[in-house]
């Protein structure tokens, strides 16, 4: 699956969607592990670190996506302005 994400067959949007879904799954699983009473405190801390990392990565992907969207909008405006 990971190899497919980075292959030339995948568009950036498809790859980003897959990464978002995977990160959402990781965040959800981490939350479940943290909330479970049977999980040891040391394991909860480990899952919390995983969750924090996944949330940070998710945020970075969102930022990158927003920047790309802004770049595309700017290009469209520049083309319209030249006409």
N, C-alpha and C. Protein backbone atom coordinates (compact mmCIF):
# COMPACT_ATOMS: atom_id res chain seq x y z
N UNK A 1 0.82 -1.19 0.00
CA UNK A 1 0.00 0.00 0.00
C UNK A 1 0.85 1.25 0.00
N UNK A 2 1.87 1.32 0.85
CA UNK A 2 2.72 2.50 0.92
C UNK A 2 3.43 2.71 -0.41
N UNK A 3 3.90 1.64 -1.04
CA UNK A 3 4.57 1.79 -2.33
C UNK A 3 3.65 2.40 -3.37
N UNK A 4 2.36 2.04 -3.34
CA UNK A 4 1.40 2.59 -4.29
C UNK A 4 1.22 4.09 -4.10
N UNK A 5 1.27 4.56 -2.87
CA UNK A 5 1.06 5.98 -2.59
C UNK A 5 2.10 6.82 -3.32
N UNK A 6 3.31 6.32 -3.40
CA UNK A 6 4.38 7.12 -3.96
C UNK A 6 4.70 6.77 -5.41
N UNK A 7 3.92 5.89 -6.01
CA UNK A 7 4.16 5.55 -7.40
C UNK A 7 3.65 6.65 -8.30
N UNK A 8 4.11 6.67 -9.52
CA UNK A 8 3.70 7.72 -10.45
C UNK A 8 2.26 7.54 -10.90
N UNK A 9 1.68 6.37 -10.68
CA UNK A 9 0.30 6.13 -11.07
C UNK A 9 -0.68 6.92 -10.20
N UNK A 10 -0.29 7.22 -9.01
CA UNK A 10 -1.16 7.93 -8.08
C UNK A 10 -1.00 9.43 -8.25
N UNK A 11 -2.10 10.13 -8.24
CA UNK A 11 -2.02 11.58 -8.25
C UNK A 11 -1.73 12.05 -6.83
N UNK A 12 -1.29 13.27 -6.72
CA UNK A 12 -1.02 13.82 -5.39
C UNK A 12 -2.28 13.84 -4.54
N UNK A 13 -3.42 14.15 -5.14
CA UNK A 13 -4.67 14.20 -4.39
C UNK A 13 -5.04 12.83 -3.86
N UNK A 14 -4.89 11.80 -4.68
CA UNK A 14 -5.22 10.44 -4.23
C UNK A 14 -4.30 10.01 -3.10
N UNK A 15 -3.02 10.32 -3.24
CA UNK A 15 -2.06 9.96 -2.20
C UNK A 15 -2.37 10.69 -0.90
N UNK A 16 -2.70 11.97 -1.01
CA UNK A 16 -3.00 12.75 0.18
C UNK A 16 -4.27 12.22 0.86
N UNK A 17 -5.28 11.86 0.07
CA UNK A 17 -6.51 11.30 0.65
C UNK A 17 -6.21 10.02 1.42
N UNK A 18 -5.37 9.18 0.85
CA UNK A 18 -5.00 7.92 1.50
C UNK A 18 -4.24 8.20 2.80
N UNK A 19 -3.33 9.15 2.75
CA UNK A 19 -2.59 9.50 3.96
C UNK A 19 -3.51 10.07 5.03
N UNK A 20 -4.46 10.92 4.64
CA UNK A 20 -5.42 11.45 5.60
C UNK A 20 -6.22 10.32 6.25
N UNK A 21 -6.70 9.37 5.44
CA UNK A 21 -7.47 8.24 5.98
C UNK A 21 -6.63 7.42 6.96
N UNK A 22 -5.38 7.16 6.59
CA UNK A 22 -4.51 6.38 7.46
C UNK A 22 -4.24 7.11 8.77
N UNK A 23 -3.98 8.41 8.67
CA UNK A 23 -3.74 9.18 9.89
C UNK A 23 -4.99 9.24 10.77
N UNK A 24 -6.15 9.37 10.15
CA UNK A 24 -7.40 9.36 10.92
C UNK A 24 -7.57 8.04 11.66
N UNK A 25 -7.22 6.94 11.01
CA UNK A 25 -7.30 5.62 11.66
C UNK A 25 -6.34 5.53 12.83
N UNK A 26 -5.14 6.04 12.65
CA UNK A 26 -4.13 6.01 13.71
C UNK A 26 -4.59 6.86 14.90
N UNK A 27 -5.14 8.03 14.62
CA UNK A 27 -5.61 8.91 15.69
C UNK A 27 -6.76 8.24 16.44
N UNK A 28 -7.68 7.64 15.72
CA UNK A 28 -8.82 6.96 16.34
C UNK A 28 -8.36 5.79 17.21
N UNK A 29 -7.46 4.97 16.68
CA UNK A 29 -6.94 3.83 17.44
C UNK A 29 -6.21 4.31 18.69
N UNK A 30 -5.42 5.35 18.55
CA UNK A 30 -4.70 5.90 19.70
C UNK A 30 -5.66 6.35 20.78
N UNK A 31 -6.72 7.03 20.37
CA UNK A 31 -7.71 7.51 21.34
C UNK A 31 -8.36 6.34 22.07
N UNK A 32 -8.68 5.28 21.34
CA UNK A 32 -9.29 4.10 21.96
C UNK A 32 -8.33 3.47 22.97
N UNK A 33 -7.07 3.37 22.61
CA UNK A 33 -6.08 2.77 23.51
C UNK A 33 -5.89 3.61 24.77
N UNK A 34 -5.92 4.93 24.61
CA UNK A 34 -5.76 5.82 25.76
C UNK A 34 -6.97 5.73 26.68
N UNK A 35 -8.16 5.63 26.10
CA UNK A 35 -9.40 5.61 26.88
C UNK A 35 -9.68 4.28 27.56
N UNK A 36 -9.03 3.20 27.12
CA UNK A 36 -9.28 1.87 27.68
C UNK A 36 -8.70 1.78 29.09
N UNK A 37 -9.52 1.31 30.01
CA UNK A 37 -9.10 1.19 31.41
C UNK A 37 -7.98 0.15 31.58
N UNK A 38 -7.99 -0.87 30.76
CA UNK A 38 -7.02 -1.97 30.91
C UNK A 38 -5.63 -1.59 30.43
N UNK A 39 -5.50 -0.51 29.70
CA UNK A 39 -4.19 -0.12 29.17
C UNK A 39 -3.33 0.45 30.30
N UNK A 40 -2.09 -0.04 30.39
CA UNK A 40 -1.17 0.45 31.41
C UNK A 40 -0.85 1.92 31.15
N UNK A 41 -0.51 2.64 32.20
CA UNK A 41 -0.19 4.06 32.08
C UNK A 41 0.97 4.31 31.12
N UNK A 42 1.99 3.46 31.17
CA UNK A 42 3.13 3.65 30.28
C UNK A 42 2.71 3.45 28.82
N UNK A 43 1.81 2.50 28.59
CA UNK A 43 1.31 2.29 27.23
C UNK A 43 0.44 3.46 26.78
N UNK A 44 -0.34 4.01 27.73
CA UNK A 44 -1.17 5.17 27.39
C UNK A 44 -0.29 6.35 26.97
N UNK A 45 0.81 6.53 27.66
CA UNK A 45 1.74 7.61 27.29
C UNK A 45 2.32 7.37 25.91
N UNK A 46 2.63 6.13 25.61
CA UNK A 46 3.16 5.80 24.28
C UNK A 46 2.12 6.08 23.20
N UNK A 47 0.89 5.68 23.46
CA UNK A 47 -0.19 5.94 22.49
C UNK A 47 -0.45 7.44 22.35
N UNK A 48 -0.29 8.17 23.45
CA UNK A 48 -0.47 9.63 23.38
C UNK A 48 0.60 10.25 22.48
N UNK A 49 1.83 9.75 22.56
CA UNK A 49 2.90 10.25 21.68
C UNK A 49 2.60 9.93 20.22
N UNK A 50 2.08 8.73 19.98
CA UNK A 50 1.70 8.36 18.61
C UNK A 50 0.61 9.31 18.10
N UNK A 51 -0.37 9.56 18.97
CA UNK A 51 -1.47 10.43 18.58
C UNK A 51 -0.97 11.85 18.28
N UNK A 52 -0.12 12.38 19.13
CA UNK A 52 0.41 13.73 18.92
C UNK A 52 1.17 13.81 17.61
N UNK A 53 1.96 12.81 17.33
CA UNK A 53 2.72 12.78 16.07
C UNK A 53 1.79 12.72 14.86
N UNK A 54 0.76 11.87 14.94
CA UNK A 54 -0.19 11.75 13.84
C UNK A 54 -0.96 13.04 13.62
N UNK A 55 -1.36 13.69 14.71
CA UNK A 55 -2.09 14.95 14.59
C UNK A 55 -1.19 16.02 13.97
N UNK A 56 0.07 16.06 14.36
CA UNK A 56 1.01 17.01 13.77
C UNK A 56 1.20 16.78 12.29
N UNK A 57 1.34 15.53 11.90
CA UNK A 57 1.49 15.19 10.49
C UNK A 57 0.23 15.55 9.71
N UNK A 58 -0.92 15.28 10.30
CA UNK A 58 -2.21 15.61 9.67
C UNK A 58 -2.29 17.12 9.43
N UNK A 59 -1.90 17.89 10.44
CA UNK A 59 -1.91 19.34 10.32
C UNK A 59 -0.98 19.83 9.22
N UNK A 60 0.19 19.24 9.13
CA UNK A 60 1.14 19.61 8.08
C UNK A 60 0.59 19.31 6.69
N UNK A 61 -0.07 18.16 6.56
CA UNK A 61 -0.68 17.81 5.27
C UNK A 61 -1.78 18.81 4.91
N UNK A 62 -2.58 19.20 5.90
CA UNK A 62 -3.63 20.19 5.65
C UNK A 62 -3.03 21.51 5.19
N UNK A 63 -1.96 21.92 5.86
CA UNK A 63 -1.29 23.17 5.50
C UNK A 63 -0.75 23.11 4.07
N UNK A 64 -0.11 21.99 3.74
CA UNK A 64 0.42 21.81 2.38
C UNK A 64 -0.69 21.85 1.36
N UNK A 65 -1.81 21.21 1.66
CA UNK A 65 -2.95 21.19 0.75
C UNK A 65 -3.50 22.60 0.55
N UNK A 66 -3.62 23.34 1.63
CA UNK A 66 -4.13 24.71 1.53
C UNK A 66 -3.19 25.59 0.72
N UNK A 67 -1.89 25.41 0.90
CA UNK A 67 -0.92 26.19 0.12
C UNK A 67 -1.01 25.87 -1.36
N UNK A 68 -1.16 24.60 -1.68
CA UNK A 68 -1.30 24.20 -3.09
C UNK A 68 -2.57 24.79 -3.69
N UNK A 69 -3.66 24.77 -2.92
CA UNK A 69 -4.92 25.36 -3.39
C UNK A 69 -4.76 26.86 -3.65
N UNK A 70 -4.07 27.54 -2.74
CA UNK A 70 -3.83 28.97 -2.92
C UNK A 70 -2.96 29.25 -4.15
N UNK A 71 -1.95 28.43 -4.36
CA UNK A 71 -1.10 28.58 -5.54
C UNK A 71 -1.90 28.42 -6.83
N UNK A 72 -2.78 27.44 -6.86
CA UNK A 72 -3.62 27.23 -8.04
C UNK A 72 -4.55 28.41 -8.27
N UNK A 73 -5.15 28.92 -7.20
CA UNK A 73 -6.04 30.07 -7.33
C UNK A 73 -5.28 31.30 -7.81
N UNK A 74 -4.06 31.47 -7.31
CA UNK A 74 -3.23 32.60 -7.73
C UNK A 74 -2.87 32.50 -9.21
N UNK A 75 -2.53 31.30 -9.64
CA UNK A 75 -2.21 31.10 -11.06
C UNK A 75 -3.40 31.43 -11.95
N UNK A 76 -4.59 31.02 -11.52
CA UNK A 76 -5.80 31.32 -12.29
C UNK A 76 -6.02 32.83 -12.37
N UNK A 77 -5.85 33.50 -11.24
CA UNK A 77 -6.01 34.95 -11.23
C UNK A 77 -4.99 35.65 -12.12
N UNK A 78 -3.75 35.16 -12.10
CA UNK A 78 -2.70 35.76 -12.94
C UNK A 78 -3.02 35.58 -14.42
N UNK A 79 -3.53 34.42 -14.77
CA UNK A 79 -3.90 34.18 -16.18
C UNK A 79 -5.04 35.10 -16.58
N UNK A 80 -6.04 35.25 -15.72
CA UNK A 80 -7.17 36.13 -16.01
C UNK A 80 -6.72 37.58 -16.13
N UNK A 81 -5.78 37.97 -15.31
CA UNK A 81 -5.30 39.35 -15.31
C UNK A 81 -4.54 39.68 -16.60
N UNK A 82 -3.84 38.69 -17.15
CA UNK A 82 -3.07 38.89 -18.38
C UNK A 82 -3.96 39.07 -19.59
N UNK A 83 -5.19 38.57 -19.54
CA UNK A 83 -6.10 38.65 -20.68
C UNK A 83 -6.64 40.01 -20.90
